[in-house]
Amino acid sequence: MSAREEDLVNTLRECDFINEGKQYIFSYIEGKKVEIKDNWINSEKQQLEEIRLRKEEEFKKIQFKENFDTHILTTGFNFENYKIKSYLGVISGSSVLGTGFFLKLAQV
C-alpha cells in the first residue's frame, strides 16, 4: 500500500463516520484497488504480447532475408564458381506452343 493510500485510510479511520459507512468505503477502496491492479496487469500483458509479436515478426524478416541472400536456385545444370549440393528435381515447368498448333491439329 502506498503512502497516499495509507494516509487516506488513516484519515477515514479518524473520521466520525458510522461504522457501516466506513466499512462500505473501505470495501469500495479495496474493490477499486483490485480493479486497478487487474487492469494494469492486463495492460502489461497486452503490451508484452505486442512486443513479442513485433520481435517475432522482425526475426522472421531477418531470417527470410538471410536465407534469401544465401540461397541460389536454377533449373540449369551448373553455376559457375559454385558446387551444387543437391538436385531437388523440377518444381514446375511450362510449355509454349505455337499459335497455330491447335489449328493444324484440328485439320488432321
Protein backbone atom coordinates (compact mmCIF):
# COMPACT_ATOMS: atom_id res chain seq x y z
CA MET A 1 0.00 0.00 0.00
CA SER A 2 1.39 3.38 -0.97
CA ALA A 3 1.87 6.25 1.49
CA ARG A 4 -1.00 8.13 -0.13
CA GLU A 5 -3.36 5.18 0.30
CA GLU A 6 -2.28 4.77 3.92
CA ASP A 7 -2.93 8.46 4.59
CA LEU A 8 -6.41 8.15 3.07
CA VAL A 9 -7.22 5.06 5.13
CA ASN A 10 -5.94 6.68 8.33
CA THR A 11 -7.98 9.83 7.64
CA LEU A 12 -11.12 7.76 7.12
CA ARG A 13 -10.47 5.81 10.31
CA GLU A 14 -10.17 9.06 12.27
CA CYS A 15 -13.44 10.46 10.93
CA ASP A 16 -16.67 10.06 12.91
CA PHE A 17 -18.50 8.12 10.21
CA ILE A 18 -20.87 5.40 11.20
CA ASN A 19 -19.06 2.05 11.17
CA GLU A 20 -21.22 0.74 8.33
CA GLY A 21 -20.29 3.78 6.23
CA LYS A 22 -16.62 3.25 6.98
CA GLN A 23 -16.87 -0.42 6.05
CA TYR A 24 -18.60 0.47 2.78
CA ILE A 25 -15.91 3.00 1.90
CA PHE A 26 -13.10 0.57 2.81
CA SER A 27 -14.66 -2.24 0.77
CA TYR A 28 -15.15 0.16 -2.17
CA ILE A 29 -11.49 1.21 -1.94
CA GLU A 30 -10.35 -2.43 -1.83
CA GLY A 31 -12.52 -3.25 -4.84
CA LYS A 32 -11.09 -0.33 -6.80
CA LYS A 33 -7.54 -1.34 -5.86
CA VAL A 34 -8.17 -4.85 -7.20
CA GLU A 35 -9.80 -3.44 -10.35
CA ILE A 36 -6.90 -1.05 -10.98
CA LYS A 37 -4.37 -3.81 -10.35
CA ASP A 38 -6.18 -6.20 -12.73
CA ASN A 39 -6.41 -3.53 -15.42
CA TRP A 40 -2.74 -2.73 -15.03
CA ILE A 41 -1.75 -6.41 -15.22
CA ASN A 42 -3.90 -6.94 -18.31
CA SER A 43 -2.44 -3.82 -19.92
CA GLU A 44 1.09 -5.03 -19.17
CA LYS A 45 0.30 -8.48 -20.56
CA GLN A 46 -1.13 -6.95 -23.73
CA GLN A 47 1.91 -4.71 -24.20
CA LEU A 48 4.26 -7.65 -23.65
CA GLU A 49 2.33 -9.74 -26.18
CA GLU A 50 2.51 -6.92 -28.75
CA ILE A 51 6.26 -6.60 -28.17
CA ARG A 52 6.69 -10.37 -28.51
CA LEU A 53 4.75 -10.41 -31.78
CA ARG A 54 6.80 -7.50 -33.19
CA LYS A 55 10.07 -9.21 -32.21
CA GLU A 56 8.88 -12.48 -33.74
CA GLU A 57 7.95 -10.69 -36.98
CA GLU A 58 11.33 -8.92 -37.06
CA PHE A 59 13.09 -12.24 -36.51
CA LYS A 60 11.14 -13.84 -39.36
CA LYS A 61 12.06 -10.96 -41.68
CA ILE A 62 15.74 -11.20 -40.76
CA GLN A 63 15.71 -14.99 -41.15
CA PHE A 64 13.99 -14.72 -44.55
CA LYS A 65 16.49 -12.10 -45.72
CA GLU A 66 19.44 -14.22 -44.61
CA ASN A 67 18.03 -17.29 -46.37
CA PHE A 68 17.12 -15.31 -49.48
CA ASP A 69 20.56 -13.72 -49.71
CA THR A 70 22.36 -17.07 -49.49
CA HIS A 71 20.00 -19.34 -51.43
CA ILE A 72 20.52 -19.79 -55.16
CA LEU A 73 18.06 -21.64 -57.40
CA THR A 74 18.39 -22.69 -61.00
CA THR A 75 16.80 -25.04 -63.48
CA GLY A 76 20.16 -25.42 -65.21
CA PHE A 77 22.86 -27.96 -64.53
CA ASN A 78 25.58 -25.72 -63.16
CA PHE A 79 26.58 -22.42 -61.61
CA GLU A 80 29.97 -21.06 -62.41
CA ASN A 81 32.24 -21.00 -59.33
CA TYR A 82 29.65 -22.88 -57.24
CA LYS A 83 29.22 -26.52 -56.29
CA ILE A 84 25.69 -27.92 -56.46
CA LYS A 85 24.97 -29.79 -53.22
CA SER A 86 21.73 -31.49 -54.22
CA TYR A 87 19.30 -31.81 -57.07
CA LEU A 88 15.72 -31.36 -55.99
CA GLY A 89 14.05 -32.04 -59.31
CA VAL A 90 11.85 -29.77 -61.36
CA ILE A 91 9.35 -27.94 -59.21
CA SER A 92 7.27 -26.52 -62.04
CA GLY A 93 7.51 -26.35 -65.77
CA SER A 94 5.73 -24.73 -68.67
CA SER A 95 5.45 -25.36 -72.37
CA VAL A 96 4.89 -22.83 -75.09
CA LEU A 97 3.08 -23.98 -78.17
CA GLY A 98 2.87 -22.04 -81.39
CA THR A 99 -0.37 -20.16 -82.06
CA GLY A 100 -1.25 -22.34 -85.00
CA PHE A 101 -0.71 -25.66 -83.20
CA PHE A 102 -4.36 -26.37 -82.40
CA LEU A 103 -5.46 -25.22 -85.86
CA LYS A 104 -3.10 -27.70 -87.54
CA LEU A 105 -4.13 -30.39 -85.04
CA ALA A 106 -7.79 -29.81 -85.95
CA GLN A 107 -7.02 -30.15 -89.70
CA VAL A 108 -5.52 -33.61 -89.26
